């Protein structure tokens, strides 16, 4: 796996849409979250394992999303994850939601690593940082 090739496929359900059958704008953040969770899992870091084994969790520190086209009920979306910056205690990720060849939304999400008990910032576990640094 590289830092740039991960994607998660999902389907748009009624619960994701407004009365017109169009995805509610805030739900793209949920789609991005699901993709980030699956990205971590694909590297061997399920969120629960990360918390129990290392005491670390990730929290969203900053988001910015641009919307281009609407997703609709029953669409199949591909949501991508790309690391754009890796610090000692935070990651900045570029994420996109696609329907086929159409870019629907793109976001920049900064997540911070914190202690699961105190929510104080902490270093990203070395095992995860090593994997990220090894990826092109």
N, C-alpha and C. Protein backbone atom coordinates (compact mmCIF):
# COMPACT_ATOMS: atom_id res chain seq x y z
N UNK A 1 0.84 -1.19 0.00
CA UNK A 1 0.00 0.00 0.00
C UNK A 1 0.88 1.25 0.00
N UNK A 2 0.46 2.25 -0.71
CA UNK A 2 1.17 3.52 -0.68
C UNK A 2 0.32 4.56 0.04
N UNK A 3 0.91 5.70 0.26
CA UNK A 3 0.18 6.79 0.92
C UNK A 3 -0.90 7.37 0.01
N UNK A 4 -0.88 7.01 -1.26
CA UNK A 4 -1.76 7.69 -2.21
C UNK A 4 -2.79 6.79 -2.89
N UNK A 5 -2.80 5.50 -2.61
CA UNK A 5 -3.65 4.64 -3.43
C UNK A 5 -4.86 4.06 -2.72
N UNK A 6 -5.18 4.50 -1.53
CA UNK A 6 -6.28 3.87 -0.82
C UNK A 6 -7.62 4.48 -1.22
N UNK A 7 -8.61 3.60 -1.39
CA UNK A 7 -9.98 4.06 -1.56
C UNK A 7 -10.93 3.08 -0.90
N UNK A 8 -12.07 3.60 -0.52
CA UNK A 8 -13.14 2.82 0.10
C UNK A 8 -14.40 3.05 -0.72
N UNK A 9 -15.10 1.96 -1.03
CA UNK A 9 -16.33 2.06 -1.80
C UNK A 9 -17.52 1.98 -0.86
N UNK A 10 -18.50 2.84 -1.09
CA UNK A 10 -19.71 2.82 -0.27
C UNK A 10 -20.92 3.17 -1.12
N UNK A 11 -22.08 2.84 -0.60
CA UNK A 11 -23.35 3.09 -1.28
C UNK A 11 -24.09 4.21 -0.54
N UNK A 12 -24.80 5.06 -1.28
CA UNK A 12 -25.62 6.12 -0.68
C UNK A 12 -26.98 5.52 -0.33
N UNK A 13 -27.36 5.66 0.95
CA UNK A 13 -28.64 5.17 1.44
C UNK A 13 -29.58 6.34 1.73
N UNK A 14 -30.88 6.01 1.97
CA UNK A 14 -31.87 7.04 2.29
C UNK A 14 -31.37 7.92 3.43
N UNK A 15 -30.79 7.32 4.45
CA UNK A 15 -30.35 8.08 5.62
C UNK A 15 -29.29 9.12 5.30
N UNK A 16 -28.63 8.98 4.14
CA UNK A 16 -27.59 9.92 3.73
C UNK A 16 -28.14 11.13 2.97
N UNK A 17 -29.41 11.08 2.60
CA UNK A 17 -29.96 12.08 1.68
C UNK A 17 -30.96 13.01 2.35
N UNK A 18 -31.24 14.09 1.64
CA UNK A 18 -32.30 15.01 2.06
C UNK A 18 -33.61 14.57 1.40
N UNK A 19 -34.63 15.38 1.52
CA UNK A 19 -35.95 15.02 0.98
C UNK A 19 -35.94 14.87 -0.54
N UNK A 20 -34.96 15.47 -1.21
CA UNK A 20 -34.86 15.37 -2.67
C UNK A 20 -34.02 14.20 -3.15
N UNK A 21 -33.53 13.39 -2.22
CA UNK A 21 -32.72 12.24 -2.61
C UNK A 21 -31.27 12.59 -2.91
N UNK A 22 -30.84 13.79 -2.49
CA UNK A 22 -29.46 14.25 -2.70
C UNK A 22 -28.71 14.13 -1.38
N UNK A 23 -27.46 13.71 -1.45
CA UNK A 23 -26.67 13.57 -0.23
C UNK A 23 -26.56 14.92 0.48
N UNK A 24 -26.91 14.93 1.75
CA UNK A 24 -26.79 16.11 2.61
C UNK A 24 -25.31 16.45 2.73
N UNK A 25 -24.96 17.72 2.61
CA UNK A 25 -23.56 18.13 2.50
C UNK A 25 -22.69 17.63 3.64
N UNK A 26 -23.19 17.63 4.87
CA UNK A 26 -22.37 17.21 6.01
C UNK A 26 -22.05 15.72 5.98
N UNK A 27 -22.83 14.95 5.24
CA UNK A 27 -22.58 13.51 5.20
C UNK A 27 -21.31 13.14 4.45
N UNK A 28 -20.79 14.05 3.64
CA UNK A 28 -19.49 13.77 3.02
C UNK A 28 -18.41 13.62 4.08
N UNK A 29 -18.53 14.36 5.18
CA UNK A 29 -17.57 14.20 6.29
C UNK A 29 -17.68 12.80 6.88
N UNK A 30 -18.89 12.25 6.96
CA UNK A 30 -19.05 10.87 7.42
C UNK A 30 -18.40 9.89 6.44
N UNK A 31 -18.60 10.13 5.15
CA UNK A 31 -17.99 9.26 4.15
C UNK A 31 -16.47 9.31 4.25
N UNK A 32 -15.92 10.51 4.44
CA UNK A 32 -14.47 10.66 4.59
C UNK A 32 -13.99 9.92 5.84
N UNK A 33 -14.75 10.01 6.92
CA UNK A 33 -14.39 9.32 8.17
C UNK A 33 -14.36 7.81 7.96
N UNK A 34 -15.35 7.27 7.29
CA UNK A 34 -15.38 5.83 7.02
C UNK A 34 -14.16 5.40 6.22
N UNK A 35 -13.81 6.19 5.22
CA UNK A 35 -12.65 5.85 4.40
C UNK A 35 -11.36 5.90 5.22
N UNK A 36 -11.21 6.92 6.09
CA UNK A 36 -10.01 7.00 6.94
C UNK A 36 -9.92 5.80 7.87
N UNK A 37 -11.06 5.40 8.42
CA UNK A 37 -11.08 4.24 9.31
C UNK A 37 -10.65 2.98 8.58
N UNK A 38 -11.14 2.79 7.37
CA UNK A 38 -10.78 1.60 6.58
C UNK A 38 -9.32 1.67 6.11
N UNK A 39 -8.83 2.88 5.85
CA UNK A 39 -7.43 3.08 5.48
C UNK A 39 -6.52 2.64 6.63
N UNK A 40 -6.84 3.08 7.84
CA UNK A 40 -6.06 2.66 9.01
C UNK A 40 -6.14 1.14 9.19
N UNK A 41 -7.34 0.59 9.05
CA UNK A 41 -7.52 -0.86 9.20
C UNK A 41 -6.69 -1.63 8.17
N UNK A 42 -6.63 -1.12 6.95
CA UNK A 42 -5.85 -1.79 5.89
C UNK A 42 -4.36 -1.81 6.22
N UNK A 43 -3.91 -0.87 7.04
CA UNK A 43 -2.51 -0.85 7.47
C UNK A 43 -2.30 -1.63 8.76
N UNK A 44 -3.37 -2.26 9.27
CA UNK A 44 -3.26 -3.06 10.48
C UNK A 44 -3.56 -2.29 11.75
N UNK A 45 -4.20 -1.13 11.63
CA UNK A 45 -4.49 -0.29 12.79
C UNK A 45 -5.97 0.02 12.89
N UNK A 46 -6.76 -1.01 13.22
CA UNK A 46 -8.16 -0.75 13.50
C UNK A 46 -8.25 0.26 14.64
N UNK A 47 -9.28 1.07 14.64
CA UNK A 47 -9.39 2.14 15.64
C UNK A 47 -9.39 1.58 17.07
N UNK A 48 -10.11 0.48 17.29
CA UNK A 48 -10.17 -0.10 18.64
C UNK A 48 -8.81 -0.69 19.04
N UNK A 49 -8.14 -1.35 18.11
CA UNK A 49 -6.81 -1.90 18.41
C UNK A 49 -5.83 -0.77 18.71
N UNK A 50 -5.90 0.30 17.95
CA UNK A 50 -5.03 1.45 18.18
C UNK A 50 -5.23 1.98 19.60
N UNK A 51 -6.49 2.09 20.02
CA UNK A 51 -6.79 2.60 21.36
C UNK A 51 -6.34 1.63 22.45
N UNK A 52 -6.67 0.35 22.31
CA UNK A 52 -6.35 -0.59 23.38
C UNK A 52 -4.87 -0.92 23.45
N UNK A 53 -4.20 -1.04 22.30
CA UNK A 53 -2.79 -1.42 22.28
C UNK A 53 -1.84 -0.27 22.56
N UNK A 54 -2.23 0.95 22.14
CA UNK A 54 -1.29 2.07 22.26
C UNK A 54 -1.81 3.21 23.13
N UNK A 55 -3.11 3.22 23.41
CA UNK A 55 -3.69 4.33 24.17
C UNK A 55 -3.90 5.57 23.33
N UNK A 56 -3.76 5.44 22.02
CA UNK A 56 -3.89 6.58 21.12
C UNK A 56 -5.19 6.51 20.33
N UNK A 57 -5.77 7.68 20.09
CA UNK A 57 -6.89 7.80 19.16
C UNK A 57 -6.65 9.05 18.31
N UNK A 58 -7.33 9.11 17.18
CA UNK A 58 -7.26 10.29 16.32
C UNK A 58 -8.53 11.10 16.47
N UNK A 59 -8.37 12.41 16.50
CA UNK A 59 -9.50 13.33 16.52
C UNK A 59 -9.35 14.30 15.36
N UNK A 60 -10.46 14.74 14.84
CA UNK A 60 -10.42 15.71 13.74
C UNK A 60 -10.14 17.09 14.32
N UNK A 61 -9.12 17.74 13.78
CA UNK A 61 -8.72 19.07 14.24
C UNK A 61 -9.18 20.18 13.28
N UNK A 62 -9.27 19.85 12.00
CA UNK A 62 -9.62 20.87 11.01
C UNK A 62 -10.15 20.20 9.76
N UNK A 63 -11.16 20.80 9.15
CA UNK A 63 -11.70 20.28 7.88
C UNK A 63 -11.98 21.43 6.93
N UNK A 64 -11.87 21.12 5.67
CA UNK A 64 -12.25 22.03 4.60
C UNK A 64 -12.77 21.16 3.46
N UNK A 65 -13.99 21.43 3.01
CA UNK A 65 -14.59 20.61 1.96
C UNK A 65 -15.12 21.51 0.85
N UNK A 66 -14.85 21.11 -0.39
CA UNK A 66 -15.43 21.77 -1.57
C UNK A 66 -16.35 20.78 -2.25
N UNK A 67 -17.50 21.28 -2.68
CA UNK A 67 -18.52 20.44 -3.31
C UNK A 67 -18.64 20.82 -4.78
N UNK A 68 -18.68 19.79 -5.63
CA UNK A 68 -18.73 20.03 -7.07
C UNK A 68 -20.02 19.54 -7.72
N UNK A 69 -20.42 18.33 -7.37
CA UNK A 69 -21.62 17.73 -7.95
C UNK A 69 -22.33 16.94 -6.86
N UNK A 70 -23.64 16.78 -6.98
CA UNK A 70 -24.35 16.03 -5.94
C UNK A 70 -24.26 14.52 -6.12
N UNK A 71 -24.17 13.82 -5.01
CA UNK A 71 -24.38 12.37 -5.02
C UNK A 71 -25.85 12.16 -4.70
N UNK A 72 -26.38 11.06 -5.20
CA UNK A 72 -27.81 10.80 -5.04
C UNK A 72 -28.05 9.40 -4.48
N UNK A 73 -29.27 9.20 -4.04
CA UNK A 73 -29.69 7.91 -3.50
C UNK A 73 -29.25 6.77 -4.40
N UNK A 74 -28.66 5.76 -3.81
CA UNK A 74 -28.23 4.51 -4.45
C UNK A 74 -26.95 4.63 -5.27
N UNK A 75 -26.33 5.82 -5.34
CA UNK A 75 -25.04 5.94 -6.02
C UNK A 75 -23.99 5.10 -5.30
N UNK A 76 -23.06 4.55 -6.06
CA UNK A 76 -21.89 3.90 -5.48
C UNK A 76 -20.75 4.91 -5.57
N UNK A 77 -20.14 5.20 -4.43
CA UNK A 77 -19.07 6.19 -4.36
C UNK A 77 -17.74 5.53 -4.04
N UNK A 78 -16.70 6.13 -4.57
CA UNK A 78 -15.33 5.74 -4.22
C UNK A 78 -14.75 6.93 -3.47
N UNK A 79 -14.32 6.68 -2.23
CA UNK A 79 -13.78 7.75 -1.39
C UNK A 79 -12.30 7.47 -1.15
N UNK A 80 -11.46 8.43 -1.51
CA UNK A 80 -10.02 8.24 -1.46
C UNK A 80 -9.40 8.88 -0.22
N UNK A 81 -8.21 8.39 0.11
CA UNK A 81 -7.43 8.94 1.22
C UNK A 81 -6.00 9.08 0.74
N UNK A 82 -5.42 10.26 0.92
CA UNK A 82 -4.03 10.51 0.55
C UNK A 82 -3.40 11.37 1.65
N UNK A 83 -2.27 10.91 2.18
CA UNK A 83 -1.54 11.70 3.17
C UNK A 83 -0.80 12.81 2.44
N UNK A 84 -1.04 14.04 2.87
CA UNK A 84 -0.31 15.17 2.27
C UNK A 84 0.75 15.71 3.21
N UNK A 85 0.58 15.44 4.50
CA UNK A 85 1.57 15.88 5.48
C UNK A 85 1.50 14.97 6.70
N UNK A 86 2.67 14.50 7.13
CA UNK A 86 2.74 13.65 8.32
C UNK A 86 3.68 14.30 9.33
N UNK A 87 3.11 14.73 10.44
CA UNK A 87 3.91 15.28 11.53
C UNK A 87 4.07 14.24 12.61
N UNK A 88 4.63 14.63 13.72
CA UNK A 88 4.83 13.69 14.83
C UNK A 88 3.52 13.40 15.57
N UNK A 89 2.60 14.36 15.56
CA UNK A 89 1.35 14.18 16.30
C UNK A 89 0.10 14.43 15.46
N UNK A 90 0.28 14.72 14.18
CA UNK A 90 -0.90 14.95 13.34
C UNK A 90 -0.63 14.53 11.90
N UNK A 91 -1.71 14.31 11.18
CA UNK A 91 -1.66 13.98 9.76
C UNK A 91 -2.63 14.91 9.03
N UNK A 92 -2.23 15.37 7.86
CA UNK A 92 -3.14 16.09 6.98
C UNK A 92 -3.42 15.19 5.80
N UNK A 93 -4.70 15.01 5.51
CA UNK A 93 -5.13 14.08 4.47
C UNK A 93 -5.97 14.80 3.43
N UNK A 94 -5.72 14.47 2.18
CA UNK A 94 -6.59 14.92 1.09
C UNK A 94 -7.57 13.77 0.83
N UNK A 95 -8.84 14.10 0.75
CA UNK A 95 -9.85 13.08 0.49
C UNK A 95 -10.78 13.55 -0.61
N UNK A 96 -11.23 12.60 -1.41
CA UNK A 96 -12.14 12.90 -2.51
C UNK A 96 -13.25 11.86 -2.54
N UNK A 97 -14.42 12.29 -2.98
CA UNK A 97 -15.55 11.39 -3.22
C UNK A 97 -15.84 11.41 -4.72
N UNK A 98 -15.86 10.24 -5.33
CA UNK A 98 -16.07 10.08 -6.76
C UNK A 98 -17.28 9.21 -7.03
N UNK A 99 -18.00 9.52 -8.09
CA UNK A 99 -19.01 8.64 -8.67
C UNK A 99 -18.54 8.40 -10.10
N UNK A 100 -18.00 7.21 -10.33
CA UNK A 100 -17.40 6.94 -11.64
C UNK A 100 -16.25 7.90 -11.86
N UNK A 101 -16.28 8.63 -12.98
CA UNK A 101 -15.22 9.60 -13.30
C UNK A 101 -15.55 11.01 -12.82
N UNK A 102 -16.65 11.17 -12.12
CA UNK A 102 -17.08 12.50 -11.68
C UNK A 102 -16.63 12.76 -10.24
N UNK A 103 -15.83 13.82 -10.06
CA UNK A 103 -15.43 14.24 -8.72
C UNK A 103 -16.60 15.00 -8.10
N UNK A 104 -17.08 14.51 -6.96
CA UNK A 104 -18.24 15.11 -6.31
C UNK A 104 -17.85 16.10 -5.22
N UNK A 105 -16.83 15.72 -4.43
CA UNK A 105 -16.39 16.56 -3.32
C UNK A 105 -14.94 16.24 -3.00
N UNK A 106 -14.24 17.25 -2.50
CA UNK A 106 -12.87 17.00 -2.04
C UNK A 106 -12.65 17.78 -0.76
N UNK A 107 -11.84 17.17 0.10
CA UNK A 107 -11.61 17.80 1.38
C UNK A 107 -10.18 17.68 1.84
N UNK A 108 -9.82 18.56 2.74
CA UNK A 108 -8.56 18.48 3.46
C UNK A 108 -8.93 18.30 4.92
N UNK A 109 -8.43 17.23 5.51
CA UNK A 109 -8.78 16.89 6.88
C UNK A 109 -7.48 16.76 7.67
N UNK A 110 -7.39 17.48 8.79
CA UNK A 110 -6.23 17.32 9.67
C UNK A 110 -6.70 16.58 10.90
N UNK A 111 -6.03 15.46 11.18
CA UNK A 111 -6.36 14.68 12.36
C UNK A 111 -5.18 14.72 13.32
N UNK A 112 -5.49 14.83 14.59
CA UNK A 112 -4.46 14.86 15.61
C UNK A 112 -4.52 13.60 16.44
N UNK A 113 -3.36 13.17 16.89
CA UNK A 113 -3.26 12.00 17.74
C UNK A 113 -3.32 12.49 19.19
N UNK A 114 -4.22 11.89 19.97
CA UNK A 114 -4.35 12.26 21.38
C UNK A 114 -4.38 11.00 22.24
N UNK A 115 -4.10 11.18 23.52
CA UNK A 115 -4.21 10.11 24.49
C UNK A 115 -5.70 9.82 24.70
N UNK A 116 -6.07 8.55 24.62
CA UNK A 116 -7.48 8.18 24.71
C UNK A 116 -8.10 8.51 26.07
N UNK A 117 -7.30 8.57 27.11
CA UNK A 117 -7.83 8.86 28.43
C UNK A 117 -7.92 10.33 28.76
N UNK A 118 -6.92 11.08 28.33
CA UNK A 118 -6.84 12.49 28.71
C UNK A 118 -7.17 13.45 27.58
N UNK A 119 -7.15 12.96 26.35
CA UNK A 119 -7.34 13.77 25.14
C UNK A 119 -6.24 14.82 24.97
N UNK A 120 -5.11 14.61 25.63
CA UNK A 120 -3.96 15.49 25.43
C UNK A 120 -3.20 15.02 24.20
N UNK A 121 -2.66 15.97 23.42
CA UNK A 121 -1.88 15.57 22.23
C UNK A 121 -0.74 14.64 22.61
N UNK A 122 -0.48 13.71 21.71
CA UNK A 122 0.62 12.78 21.90
C UNK A 122 1.19 12.39 20.54
N UNK A 123 2.35 11.80 20.57
CA UNK A 123 3.01 11.35 19.34
C UNK A 123 2.22 10.20 18.71
N UNK A 124 2.15 10.19 17.39
CA UNK A 124 1.57 9.07 16.67
C UNK A 124 2.43 7.84 16.96
N UNK A 125 1.83 6.68 17.24
CA UNK A 125 2.62 5.49 17.55
C UNK A 125 3.68 5.22 16.48
N UNK A 126 4.89 4.88 16.93
CA UNK A 126 6.02 4.68 16.03
C UNK A 126 5.74 3.65 14.95
N UNK A 127 5.01 2.57 15.30
CA UNK A 127 4.71 1.53 14.32
C UNK A 127 3.92 2.09 13.14
N UNK A 128 2.96 2.97 13.41
CA UNK A 128 2.17 3.58 12.33
C UNK A 128 3.01 4.60 11.57
N UNK A 129 3.78 5.42 12.27
CA UNK A 129 4.64 6.39 11.58
C UNK A 129 5.63 5.70 10.67
N UNK A 130 6.17 4.56 11.10
CA UNK A 130 7.13 3.81 10.27
C UNK A 130 6.49 3.35 8.97
N UNK A 131 5.25 2.89 9.05
CA UNK A 131 4.54 2.46 7.85
C UNK A 131 4.33 3.65 6.92
N UNK A 132 3.89 4.77 7.47
CA UNK A 132 3.64 5.95 6.65
C UNK A 132 4.92 6.47 6.00
N UNK A 133 6.01 6.45 6.74
CA UNK A 133 7.28 6.94 6.20
C UNK A 133 7.83 6.02 5.12
N UNK A 134 7.49 4.73 5.19
CA UNK A 134 7.98 3.76 4.21
C UNK A 134 7.21 3.83 2.90
N UNK A 135 6.02 4.44 2.94
CA UNK A 135 5.19 4.52 1.73
C UNK A 135 5.62 5.71 0.90
N UNK A 136 5.62 5.52 -0.43
CA UNK A 136 5.98 6.66 -1.31
C UNK A 136 4.96 7.77 -1.27
